[in-house]
Protein backbone atom coordinates (compact mmCIF):
# COMPACT_ATOMS: atom_id res chain seq x y z
CA UNK A 1 -36.98 -31.33 45.73
CA UNK A 2 -33.83 -29.72 44.33
CA UNK A 3 -31.42 -31.59 42.05
CA UNK A 4 -28.70 -31.24 44.70
CA UNK A 5 -30.90 -32.91 47.30
CA UNK A 6 -31.82 -35.68 44.86
CA UNK A 7 -28.13 -36.29 44.10
CA UNK A 8 -27.33 -36.63 47.82
CA UNK A 9 -30.20 -39.05 48.40
CA UNK A 10 -29.22 -40.99 45.29
CA UNK A 11 -25.69 -41.35 46.55
CA UNK A 12 -26.84 -42.69 49.90
CA UNK A 13 -29.23 -45.20 48.35
CA UNK A 14 -26.95 -46.27 45.52
CA UNK A 15 -23.77 -46.88 47.54
CA UNK A 16 -25.27 -48.38 50.67
CA UNK A 17 -23.50 -48.16 54.01
CA UNK A 18 -20.18 -47.08 52.56
CA UNK A 19 -21.77 -44.15 50.74
CA UNK A 20 -23.75 -43.23 53.81
CA UNK A 21 -20.57 -43.37 55.85
CA UNK A 22 -18.80 -41.06 53.45
CA UNK A 23 -21.71 -38.63 53.55
CA UNK A 24 -21.76 -38.81 57.32
CA UNK A 25 -18.06 -37.98 57.31
CA UNK A 26 -18.71 -35.06 54.99
CA UNK A 27 -21.49 -33.80 57.27
CA UNK A 28 -19.20 -34.21 60.29
CA UNK A 29 -16.65 -31.94 58.58
CA UNK A 30 -19.41 -29.38 57.91
CA UNK A 31 -20.62 -29.56 61.52
CA UNK A 32 -17.04 -29.24 62.71
CA UNK A 33 -16.74 -26.07 60.66
CA UNK A 34 -19.96 -24.74 62.17
CA UNK A 35 -18.68 -25.56 65.65
CA UNK A 36 -15.48 -23.72 64.88
CA UNK A 37 -17.52 -20.67 63.84
CA UNK A 38 -19.59 -20.96 67.01
CA UNK A 39 -16.38 -21.11 69.03
CA UNK A 40 -15.20 -17.95 67.25
CA UNK A 41 -18.48 -16.20 68.09
CA UNK A 42 -18.22 -17.38 71.70
CA UNK A 43 -14.69 -15.99 71.84
CA UNK A 44 -15.99 -12.64 70.60
CA UNK A 45 -18.80 -12.70 73.14
CA UNK A 46 -16.26 -13.59 75.81
CA UNK A 47 -14.22 -10.59 74.73
CA UNK A 48 -17.33 -8.43 74.98
CA UNK A 49 -18.01 -9.76 78.47
CA UNK A 50 -14.45 -8.81 79.44
CA UNK A 51 -14.96 -5.29 78.09
CA UNK A 52 -18.29 -4.97 79.86
CA UNK A 53 -16.59 -6.16 83.04
CA UNK A 54 -14.06 -3.35 82.62
CA UNK A 55 -16.91 -0.87 82.20
CA UNK A 56 -18.65 -2.20 85.31
CA UNK A 57 -15.45 -1.80 87.30
CA UNK A 58 -15.08 1.75 86.03
CA UNK A 59 -18.71 2.51 86.91
CA UNK A 60 -18.37 1.20 90.45
CA UNK A 61 -15.08 3.05 90.97
CA UNK A 62 -16.24 6.40 89.62
CA UNK A 63 -19.97 6.62 90.24
CA UNK A 64 -21.04 4.55 93.23
CA UNK A 65 -21.19 6.75 96.29
CA UNK A 66 -20.85 9.97 94.30
CA UNK A 67 -24.48 10.94 93.76
CA UNK A 68 -23.86 14.53 92.79
CA UNK A 69 -21.64 13.60 89.89
CA UNK A 70 -23.48 10.50 88.72
CA UNK A 71 -26.46 10.31 86.44
CA UNK A 72 -29.80 9.91 88.17
CA UNK A 73 -29.35 6.15 87.95
CA UNK A 74 -26.44 4.12 86.73
CA UNK A 75 -27.03 0.65 85.35
CA UNK A 76 -24.80 -2.12 84.14
CA UNK A 77 -24.83 -4.63 81.32
CA UNK A 78 -24.70 -8.15 82.65
CA UNK A 79 -26.74 -11.22 83.41
CA UNK A 80 -28.24 -9.66 86.52
CA UNK A 81 -29.17 -6.32 84.97
CA UNK A 82 -28.76 -3.15 86.98
CA UNK A 83 -26.46 -2.97 89.97
CA UNK A 84 -25.72 -0.29 92.54
CA UNK A 85 -28.01 2.16 90.82
CA UNK A 86 -26.94 5.54 92.12
CA UNK A 87 -29.55 8.17 92.82
CA UNK A 88 -28.71 11.84 92.83
CA UNK A 89 -30.33 14.83 94.45
CA UNK A 90 -30.46 17.41 91.66
CA UNK A 91 -31.50 21.01 91.92
CA UNK A 92 -35.10 21.64 91.08
CA UNK A 93 -35.44 21.72 87.31
CA UNK A 94 -37.10 25.09 87.65
CA UNK A 95 -33.91 26.46 89.18
CA UNK A 96 -32.45 26.31 85.71
CA UNK A 97 -35.28 28.34 84.19
CA UNK A 98 -37.71 30.95 85.58
CA UNK A 99 -38.65 29.49 88.94
CA UNK A 100 -42.14 29.97 90.33
CA UNK A 101 -43.25 32.49 87.71
CA UNK A 102 -41.26 35.44 89.09
CA UNK A 103 -40.93 38.51 86.89
CA UNK A 104 -37.14 38.27 86.88
CA UNK A 105 -37.09 42.05 86.77
CA UNK A 106 -33.46 43.03 86.51
CA UNK A 107 -32.34 39.54 85.42
CA UNK A 108 -28.78 39.73 84.16
CA UNK A 109 -28.19 42.95 86.07
CA UNK A 110 -26.48 42.84 89.45
CA UNK A 111 -27.72 46.26 90.58
CA UNK A 112 -31.22 47.21 89.47
CA UNK A 113 -33.11 44.74 91.62
CA UNK A 114 -31.39 45.18 94.95
CA UNK A 115 -31.40 42.53 97.66
CA UNK A 116 -33.13 44.67 100.34
CA UNK A 117 -35.96 45.63 97.99
CA UNK A 118 -36.64 41.97 97.34
CA UNK A 119 -37.09 41.29 101.05
CA UNK A 120 -39.32 44.35 101.43
CA UNK A 121 -41.65 43.19 98.67
CA UNK A 122 -42.23 39.85 100.35
CA UNK A 123 -43.16 38.19 97.05
CA UNK A 124 -42.24 34.51 97.51
CA UNK A 125 -42.20 33.81 93.78
CA UNK A 126 -39.74 36.61 93.07
CA UNK A 127 -37.69 35.78 96.17
CA UNK A 128 -37.35 32.21 94.99
CA UNK A 129 -36.45 33.33 91.48
CA UNK A 130 -33.79 35.67 92.81
CA UNK A 131 -32.54 32.85 95.04
CA UNK A 132 -32.13 30.71 91.95
CA UNK A 133 -30.04 33.42 90.35
CA UNK A 134 -27.71 33.62 93.36
CA UNK A 135 -27.53 29.82 93.66
CA UNK A 136 -26.57 29.39 90.03
CA UNK A 137 -24.70 32.66 89.42
CA UNK A 138 -27.03 33.69 86.61
CA UNK A 139 -26.75 37.44 86.09
CA UNK A 140 -25.27 37.96 89.56
CA UNK A 141 -22.22 36.85 91.49
CA UNK A 142 -22.85 33.36 92.80
CA UNK A 143 -23.65 33.56 96.52
CA UNK A 144 -25.01 30.53 98.40
CA UNK A 145 -25.70 32.46 101.60
CA UNK A 146 -27.86 35.01 99.83
CA UNK A 147 -29.61 32.24 97.89
CA UNK A 148 -30.30 30.41 101.14
CA UNK A 149 -31.75 33.52 102.79
CA UNK A 150 -34.08 34.13 99.86
CA UNK A 151 -35.21 30.50 99.78
CA UNK A 152 -35.92 30.59 103.54
CA UNK A 153 -38.12 33.68 103.21
CA UNK A 154 -39.97 32.32 100.19
CA UNK A 155 -40.39 28.89 101.77
CA UNK A 156 -41.91 30.45 104.90
CA UNK A 157 -44.49 32.08 102.65
CA UNK A 158 -45.48 28.73 101.16
CA UNK A 159 -43.59 28.58 97.85
CA UNK A 160 -43.21 24.88 97.04
CA UNK A 161 -40.38 25.71 94.62
CA UNK A 162 -38.48 27.52 97.36
CA UNK A 163 -39.17 24.70 99.83
CA UNK A 164 -37.65 22.22 97.42
CA UNK A 165 -34.70 24.47 96.65
CA UNK A 166 -34.10 25.14 100.34
CA UNK A 167 -34.11 21.39 100.91
CA UNK A 168 -31.47 20.96 98.23
CA UNK A 169 -29.29 23.60 99.88
CA UNK A 170 -29.61 21.80 103.22
CA UNK A 171 -28.94 18.39 101.66
CA UNK A 172 -25.88 19.59 99.78
CA UNK A 173 -24.53 21.80 102.57
CA UNK A 174 -24.61 24.94 100.45
CA UNK A 175 -24.64 28.15 102.46
CA UNK A 176 -25.20 26.09 105.60
CA UNK A 177 -23.80 22.90 107.17
CA UNK A 178 -25.33 19.78 105.65
CA UNK A 179 -28.61 19.00 107.43
CA UNK A 180 -30.52 16.02 106.04
CA UNK A 181 -33.37 16.18 108.55
CA UNK A 182 -34.09 19.80 107.70
CA UNK A 183 -33.90 18.90 104.01
CA UNK A 184 -36.43 16.14 104.57
CA UNK A 185 -38.78 18.52 106.38
CA UNK A 186 -38.76 21.03 103.51
CA UNK A 187 -39.19 18.31 100.90
CA UNK A 188 -42.25 17.01 102.71
CA UNK A 189 -43.76 20.50 102.73
CA UNK A 190 -43.20 20.91 99.01
CA UNK A 191 -44.22 17.33 98.14
CA UNK A 192 -47.53 17.77 99.95
CA UNK A 193 -48.16 20.71 97.60
CA UNK A 194 -47.66 18.23 94.72
CA UNK A 195 -44.28 19.54 93.60
CA UNK A 196 -43.09 16.72 91.34
CA UNK A 197 -39.43 17.65 91.80
CA UNK A 198 -39.80 17.58 95.59
CA UNK A 199 -41.63 14.25 95.41
CA UNK A 200 -38.78 12.80 93.38
CA UNK A 201 -36.17 14.20 95.76
CA UNK A 202 -38.10 12.88 98.75
CA UNK A 203 -38.03 9.46 97.10
CA UNK A 204 -34.27 9.82 96.77
CA UNK A 205 -33.96 10.55 100.48
CA UNK A 206 -35.93 7.42 101.37
CA UNK A 207 -34.06 5.28 98.85
CA UNK A 208 -30.72 6.35 100.29
CA UNK A 209 -31.80 6.58 103.94
CA UNK A 210 -30.78 10.22 104.24
CA UNK A 211 -32.38 11.95 107.23
CA UNK A 212 -34.81 9.07 107.59
CA UNK A 213 -34.82 5.29 107.92
CA UNK A 214 -34.11 3.71 104.53
CA UNK A 215 -37.42 2.58 103.02
CA UNK A 216 -37.67 1.41 99.40
CA UNK A 217 -41.46 1.13 99.45
CA UNK A 218 -41.81 4.73 100.56
CA UNK A 219 -39.28 5.75 97.91
CA UNK A 220 -41.35 4.00 95.26
CA UNK A 221 -44.49 5.77 96.46
CA UNK A 222 -42.93 9.19 96.02
CA UNK A 223 -41.24 8.30 92.73
CA UNK A 224 -44.58 7.10 91.37
CA UNK A 225 -46.40 10.29 92.37
CA UNK A 226 -43.77 12.41 90.62
CA UNK A 227 -43.54 10.07 87.61
CA UNK A 228 -47.27 10.41 87.02
CA UNK A 229 -46.67 14.14 86.74
CA UNK A 230 -44.18 13.41 83.92
CA UNK A 231 -41.08 14.17 85.96
CA UNK A 232 -38.37 12.45 83.90
CA UNK A 233 -35.99 11.89 86.82
CA UNK A 234 -38.75 10.21 88.81
CA UNK A 235 -39.75 8.06 85.84
CA UNK A 236 -36.16 6.91 85.52
CA UNK A 237 -35.84 6.28 89.25
CA UNK A 238 -39.08 4.29 89.29
CA UNK A 239 -37.79 2.24 86.38
CA UNK A 240 -34.70 1.36 88.37
CA UNK A 241 -36.76 0.26 91.36
CA UNK A 242 -38.69 -2.12 89.10
CA UNK A 243 -35.50 -3.34 87.40
CA UNK A 244 -33.92 -4.17 90.76
CA UNK A 245 -37.05 -5.24 92.62
CA UNK A 246 -36.59 -2.55 95.25
CA UNK A 247 -39.83 -1.78 97.08
CA UNK A 248 -41.78 -3.56 94.34
CA UNK A 249 -41.76 -6.96 92.68
CA UNK A 250 -39.04 -7.11 90.05
CA UNK A 251 -40.70 -6.41 86.69
CA UNK A 252 -38.43 -5.78 83.72
CA UNK A 253 -41.29 -4.83 81.41
CA UNK A 254 -42.50 -2.18 83.84
CA UNK A 255 -38.94 -0.89 84.19
CA UNK A 256 -38.67 -0.55 80.42
CA UNK A 257 -41.96 1.38 80.31
CA UNK A 258 -40.71 4.01 82.75
CA UNK A 259 -37.22 4.16 81.25
CA UNK A 260 -38.77 4.77 77.83
CA UNK A 261 -41.03 7.58 79.07
CA UNK A 262 -38.06 9.34 80.64
CA UNK A 263 -35.71 8.62 77.71
CA UNK A 264 -38.16 10.13 75.24
CA UNK A 265 -38.10 13.32 77.34
CA UNK A 266 -34.33 13.39 76.83
CA UNK A 267 -33.28 12.09 80.26
CA UNK A 268 -29.75 10.83 79.62
CA UNK A 269 -29.70 8.37 82.52
CA UNK A 270 -32.93 6.78 81.30
CA UNK A 271 -31.51 6.56 77.78
CA UNK A 272 -28.51 4.76 79.25
CA UNK A 273 -30.70 2.36 81.24
CA UNK A 274 -33.04 1.69 78.32
CA UNK A 275 -30.03 0.85 76.17
CA UNK A 276 -28.88 -1.58 78.85
CA UNK A 277 -32.29 -3.28 78.91
CA UNK A 278 -32.20 -3.74 75.12
CA UNK A 279 -28.63 -5.05 75.26
CA UNK A 280 -29.62 -7.65 77.86
CA UNK A 281 -33.04 -8.46 76.42
CA UNK A 282 -34.68 -7.58 79.74
CA UNK A 283 -38.33 -6.59 79.39
CA UNK A 284 -37.85 -6.30 75.63
CA UNK A 285 -36.44 -8.61 72.95
CA UNK A 286 -32.67 -8.31 72.75
CA UNK A 287 -31.93 -5.67 70.14
CA UNK A 288 -28.37 -4.42 69.72
CA UNK A 289 -29.42 -1.76 67.20
CA UNK A 290 -31.87 -0.21 69.69
CA UNK A 291 -29.34 -0.63 72.51
CA UNK A 292 -26.63 1.14 70.50
CA UNK A 293 -29.04 3.94 69.60
CA UNK A 294 -30.04 4.70 73.20
CA UNK A 295 -26.51 4.35 74.56
CA UNK A 296 -25.29 6.64 71.80
CA UNK A 297 -27.87 9.27 72.77
CA UNK A 298 -26.92 8.95 76.44
CA UNK A 299 -23.25 9.25 75.51
CA UNK A 300 -23.83 12.55 73.75
CA UNK A 301 -25.24 13.83 77.05
CA UNK A 302 -21.95 13.03 78.79
CA UNK A 303 -22.99 9.76 80.42
CA UNK A 304 -19.47 8.39 80.07
CA UNK A 305 -20.17 4.73 80.75
CA UNK A 306 -22.83 4.87 78.01
CA UNK A 307 -20.17 5.61 75.41
CA UNK A 308 -18.05 2.74 76.65
CA UNK A 309 -20.94 0.30 76.56
CA UNK A 310 -21.93 1.49 73.09
CA UNK A 311 -18.42 0.84 71.83
CA UNK A 312 -18.40 -2.60 73.44
CA UNK A 313 -21.66 -3.47 71.71
CA UNK A 314 -20.29 -2.29 68.38
CA UNK A 315 -17.70 -5.09 68.54
CA UNK A 316 -20.43 -7.70 68.01
CA UNK A 317 -22.50 -5.71 65.52
CA UNK A 318 -22.22 -5.63 61.75
CA UNK A 319 -21.39 -2.41 59.95
CA UNK A 320 -24.97 -2.32 58.65
CA UNK A 321 -26.39 -2.63 62.16
CA UNK A 322 -24.14 0.14 63.47
CA UNK A 323 -25.17 2.41 60.59
CA UNK A 324 -28.85 1.71 61.29
CA UNK A 325 -28.38 2.51 64.99
CA UNK A 326 -26.55 5.75 64.23
CA UNK A 327 -29.27 6.81 61.79
CA UNK A 328 -31.95 6.07 64.38
CA UNK A 329 -30.08 8.20 66.94
CA UNK A 330 -29.83 11.09 64.47
CA UNK A 331 -33.58 10.97 63.92
CA UNK A 332 -34.28 11.61 67.60
């Protein structure tokens, strides 16, 4: 027992009720001070809630209903977790690299590999690759109609990459009027060939009810197939379905698992959603340092609401915690 404790006990015993009353009064003052500090903390938390509310309003205004501009999924910080998680229909990842293993002969040159020769060869892999170039304007003038024609020819010859890419053109109305049913048909063809990107996109169609009756369970089925093939977008989408209880029982821990797998592959939307889970303590212990780290990483990938949420979190973090979070983000 410390001398200070002995002195307090001695005072109580030696002075009887009066001494005890004085000590009780002293303790009341201390407790009052603690309550005041708690009130201050609550005020700060209330301020954070207000800022988060502003972020949520911004997210709903700018992202909901704009799937092409949003991240794969958009979450929110709040007592109920994710809300209005927006799914997008991205181009096949392989459209941004060498699609389908084509030789890319003449890549970067608008003349040496002429359009007619490509049709004459009838090589679906090269047709799809050339279609990617026209769709994205890589090495050639961007031309959706030519891209579409190449994807059609390659898709007819069984290229799952071209089938997926053709579906995206139909779904986005590029080079052709928007046709969701045709997009769905091509996605099914590619998904049945185990194209992970097509499986993910087919899940998106079911989740949003585009070209088909809305069906969360079917969306989950396709997301899971693609996620097991390490498709980061599908892993993120599956995480959202678990976070919201769409097509599956709500399971925050399972959501965190899929968000983490996608986030570690560099998927910015998953990094955003994982940060949200840490901030809310959903599926993981609440950890503002980890939340700040993942939101910071998502923010560097131009997920705008991630930067706003990170800054809101910083208001209730110490300088040491912020420094630790920033160092952890740099180590990624």
